Protein backbone atom coordinates (compact mmCIF):
# COMPACT_ATOMS: atom_id res chain seq x y z
CA MET A 1 40.29 5.31 13.19
CA PHE A 2 40.44 4.78 9.61
CA VAL A 3 42.27 7.36 8.79
CA TYR A 4 45.01 6.56 11.48
CA LEU A 5 45.20 2.78 9.98
CA LYS A 6 45.51 3.91 6.69
CA SER A 7 48.28 6.16 7.52
CA ARG A 8 50.34 3.23 8.91
CA TYR A 9 49.13 0.09 6.83
CA GLU A 10 48.56 -0.77 3.27
CA PHE A 11 45.49 -2.66 2.39
CA ASP A 12 42.34 -3.07 0.63
CA TYR A 13 39.06 -2.12 1.69
CA GLU A 14 35.53 -1.09 1.09
CA PHE A 15 33.63 1.35 2.68
CA PRO A 16 30.04 1.15 2.67
CA VAL A 17 27.63 4.17 3.02
CA TYR A 18 24.34 3.28 3.60
CA PRO A 19 21.64 4.52 1.54
CA GLY A 20 20.28 7.91 3.39
CA HIS A 21 23.11 8.46 5.62
CA GLY A 22 26.81 10.49 5.22
CA THR A 23 26.81 13.74 5.51
CA LEU A 24 23.11 15.16 4.95
CA LEU A 25 21.01 12.80 6.13
CA ASP A 26 18.01 11.41 4.02
CA LEU A 27 16.00 8.32 5.67
CA LYS A 28 13.08 8.44 3.85
CA SER A 29 13.69 6.42 0.94
CA SER A 30 15.39 4.16 2.14
CA GLY A 31 15.17 1.27 5.14
CA GLY A 32 16.86 -1.08 6.96
CA ASP A 33 16.94 -3.69 4.26
CA ASP A 34 18.86 -1.26 2.09
CA TRP A 35 21.27 -0.27 4.54
CA TYR A 36 22.48 -4.07 5.46
CA ASN A 37 22.46 -5.13 1.45
CA GLU A 38 24.91 -2.06 1.22
CA ALA A 39 27.32 -3.86 3.99
CA GLU A 40 26.59 -7.06 2.17
CA ASP A 41 27.48 -5.83 -1.22
CA ALA A 42 30.33 -4.03 -0.05
CA TYR A 43 31.38 -7.51 1.44
CA HIS A 44 31.35 -9.15 -1.81
CA ALA A 45 32.95 -6.52 -3.64
CA LEU A 46 36.10 -7.26 -1.16
CA LYS A 47 36.01 -11.45 -1.42
CA SER A 48 36.52 -10.65 -5.41
CA ARG A 49 39.57 -9.06 -4.60
CA VAL A 50 41.08 -10.74 -1.72
CA GLU A 51 41.82 -13.52 0.44
CA THR A 52 41.93 -12.34 3.96
CA ILE A 53 39.21 -10.14 4.96
CA TYR A 54 38.76 -8.20 8.29
CA ILE A 55 35.70 -6.57 9.23
CA ILE A 56 35.10 -3.34 11.55
CA GLY A 57 31.68 -2.44 12.56
CA PHE A 58 30.18 0.45 14.38
CA SER A 59 26.84 0.61 15.89
CA MET A 60 24.21 -0.30 13.54
CA GLY A 61 27.13 -1.58 11.51
CA GLY A 62 28.59 -3.66 14.27
CA VAL A 63 25.31 -5.89 13.91
CA PHE A 64 25.76 -6.08 10.24
CA ALA A 65 29.44 -7.14 10.75
CA SER A 66 28.31 -9.80 13.12
CA HIS A 67 25.90 -11.47 10.58
CA LEU A 68 27.98 -11.04 7.76
CA SER A 69 30.65 -12.78 9.37
CA GLN A 70 28.24 -15.51 10.23
CA GLN A 71 27.46 -15.74 6.05
CA GLY A 72 30.77 -15.56 5.02
CA GLU A 73 34.31 -16.00 5.14
CA VAL A 74 35.53 -13.39 7.89
CA ALA A 75 39.14 -13.77 9.63
CA LYS A 76 38.75 -11.20 12.12
CA LEU A 77 35.52 -9.18 13.48
CA LEU A 78 36.48 -5.72 15.40
CA LEU A 79 32.82 -4.44 16.74
CA ILE A 80 32.52 -1.45 18.05
CA ALA A 81 29.80 -0.12 20.04
CA PRO A 82 27.88 -2.83 18.23
CA ALA A 83 23.69 -1.67 18.75
CA PHE A 84 22.56 -4.96 19.79
CA ASP A 85 20.34 -3.39 21.86
CA HIS A 86 19.23 0.65 22.39
CA THR A 87 18.48 2.51 25.47
CA LYS A 88 15.28 2.75 26.80
CA LEU A 89 14.05 5.18 29.43
CA SER A 90 12.60 1.68 31.26
CA GLN A 91 16.16 0.58 30.98
CA LEU A 92 18.19 2.97 32.02
CA SER A 93 19.65 1.32 35.15
CA ARG A 94 21.26 -1.26 32.51
CA LEU A 95 23.56 1.53 31.74
CA LYS A 96 25.09 1.26 35.32
CA LEU A 97 26.39 4.55 35.02
CA THR A 98 27.52 6.19 38.46
CA PRO A 99 26.91 10.39 39.01
CA ARG A 100 30.48 10.36 37.59
CA HIS A 101 29.70 9.26 34.63
CA PHE A 102 26.86 11.47 33.62
CA SER A 103 28.90 14.48 34.58
CA GLU A 104 31.76 13.51 32.56
CA HIS A 105 29.20 12.97 29.48
CA MET A 106 27.47 16.40 30.31
CA LYS A 107 30.99 17.92 29.69
CA LEU A 108 31.16 16.68 26.39
CA ASN A 109 28.02 18.62 25.18
CA MET A 110 26.91 15.75 22.98
CA TYR A 111 23.81 16.57 22.44
CA SER A 112 24.55 20.07 21.03
CA ARG A 113 26.92 18.69 18.59
CA ILE A 114 24.27 16.04 17.35
CA ARG A 115 20.98 17.82 17.46
CA LYS A 116 20.63 18.97 14.20
CA ARG A 117 20.76 15.22 13.00
CA ILE A 118 18.60 13.75 15.55
CA ARG A 119 15.95 16.02 14.15
CA ASP A 120 16.36 14.83 10.34
CA ILE A 121 15.97 11.36 11.58
CA PRO A 122 12.05 10.49 10.90
CA LEU A 123 10.14 8.03 13.40
CA ALA A 124 9.59 5.63 10.87
CA ALA A 125 13.41 5.80 10.41
CA PHE A 126 14.03 4.72 14.20
CA GLN A 127 11.43 1.85 13.52
CA GLU A 128 13.49 0.33 10.81
CA PHE A 129 16.62 0.75 12.48
CA LYS A 130 14.75 -1.74 15.33
CA ASN A 131 13.37 -3.90 12.72
CA ILE A 132 16.68 -4.27 10.83
CA VAL A 133 18.50 -5.16 14.15
CA GLU A 134 15.96 -7.49 15.54
CA MET A 135 16.52 -9.46 12.24
CA LYS A 136 20.21 -9.27 12.04
CA ARG A 137 21.45 -9.54 15.75
CA GLY A 138 20.92 -13.32 16.52
CA GLY A 139 23.28 -16.02 15.87
CA LEU A 140 26.29 -14.97 17.68
CA GLU A 141 27.18 -18.49 19.03
CA ASN A 142 27.73 -19.13 15.48
CA ILE A 143 30.48 -16.48 14.94
CA SER A 144 33.94 -18.47 14.44
CA SER A 145 35.89 -15.34 13.44
CA GLU A 146 38.59 -13.92 16.12
CA THR A 147 36.47 -11.05 17.41
CA LEU A 148 37.14 -7.87 19.63
CA ILE A 149 33.97 -5.76 21.18
CA VAL A 150 35.02 -2.36 22.15
CA HIS A 151 32.40 0.02 23.80
CA GLY A 152 32.45 3.32 26.22
CA THR A 153 31.59 3.02 29.48
CA ILE A 154 29.38 6.29 28.93
CA ASP A 155 27.79 5.37 25.75
CA LEU A 156 24.22 6.36 26.25
CA LEU A 157 22.30 5.47 23.16
CA VAL A 158 23.64 1.50 23.51
CA PRO A 159 24.12 0.47 26.40
CA TYR A 160 27.85 -1.40 27.09
CA GLN A 161 26.23 -4.45 29.14
CA SER A 162 24.68 -5.72 25.95
CA SER A 163 28.49 -6.03 24.51
CA ILE A 164 29.35 -7.90 27.72
CA ASP A 165 26.42 -10.05 26.85
CA ALA A 166 27.33 -10.77 23.39
CA ALA A 167 31.02 -11.39 24.29
CA GLU A 168 29.90 -14.13 26.50
CA LYS A 169 27.84 -15.42 23.70
CA ILE A 170 30.65 -15.48 20.98
CA PRO A 171 33.34 -18.20 20.95
CA GLY A 172 36.41 -16.71 21.93
CA GLY A 173 35.01 -13.20 22.27
CA GLN A 174 37.25 -10.70 23.64
CA LEU A 175 35.78 -7.60 25.42
CA LYS A 176 37.71 -4.18 26.11
CA LEU A 177 35.60 -1.43 28.20
CA ILE A 178 36.95 1.86 27.50
CA GLU A 179 36.62 4.14 30.52
CA GLY A 180 34.65 7.19 30.53
CA ALA A 181 34.08 6.98 26.23
CA PRO A 182 30.85 7.84 24.77
CA HIS A 183 29.14 6.23 21.77
CA LEU A 184 30.63 8.54 19.60
CA PHE A 185 34.69 7.90 20.07
CA ALA A 186 35.67 10.49 17.95
CA TYR A 187 34.19 13.30 19.90
CA THR A 188 37.18 12.76 22.46
CA GLU A 189 40.50 12.61 21.36
CA GLU A 190 41.87 10.33 24.40
CA SER A 191 38.91 7.92 23.56
CA GLN A 192 39.52 7.99 19.94
CA LEU A 193 43.59 7.16 20.42
CA GLU A 194 42.84 4.68 22.99
CA LEU A 195 40.14 3.02 19.86
CA ASN A 196 43.33 3.26 17.41
CA ILE A 197 46.22 1.88 19.53
CA ILE A 198 43.37 -1.28 20.78
CA ALA A 199 42.33 -1.08 17.00
CA GLU A 200 45.94 -1.56 15.51
CA ARG A 201 47.24 -4.40 18.24
CA PHE A 202 43.86 -6.52 17.51
CA LEU A 203 44.31 -6.33 13.80
CA PHE A 204 47.57 -5.99 12.56
CA ASP A 205 49.37 -8.76 14.18
CA ASP A 206 49.65 -10.51 10.75
CA GLU A 207 47.18 -9.67 7.99
CA LYS A 208 46.57 -6.32 6.42
CA VAL A 209 43.32 -6.66 4.67
CA PHE A 210 40.01 -6.06 5.94
CA LEU A 211 36.70 -4.42 5.22
CA VAL A 212 35.11 -1.46 7.29
């Protein structure tokens, strides 16, 4: 999505990479506070250069984005599959998936694509993720930014019902569900294209400066 938008518009940006994340995972020496601080530092770095800020946050970054928007001035907030919750075996019913949804997800062969990265995530890092999300996911009713949440209907990692709940709490919050889209939109060209179009229409009606 960033490549698509950058090819069509001129804007200043920060693109924080959380410690231990990136192409190679090394999550043994960093934790939730380090990840959030990286996002916060990026916000302040951009704020020092521009007047109008948009924030795009994906998954855990969506939770961070929602918290940052409560701490500083953010004109528009785009949350993509924000991890306000995560799927637990005891809560599979919350996904509201039909047999067709499961079939579509299996066709994507998603697990084989991310198997190695999953193996590289230590249990302690998952606990850090849960802890930092618990700390930063509250206060949605205090968000004053123009907000759009986008979520796929076959997301097996974050139940899209959590985005429905979040949109109801955020004043004026908008929600767009993408039928047949997994958590990782980029793994399906059709879902990625739809996300690109939705993001462009939401973000670029007027200003052209945002934070990723």
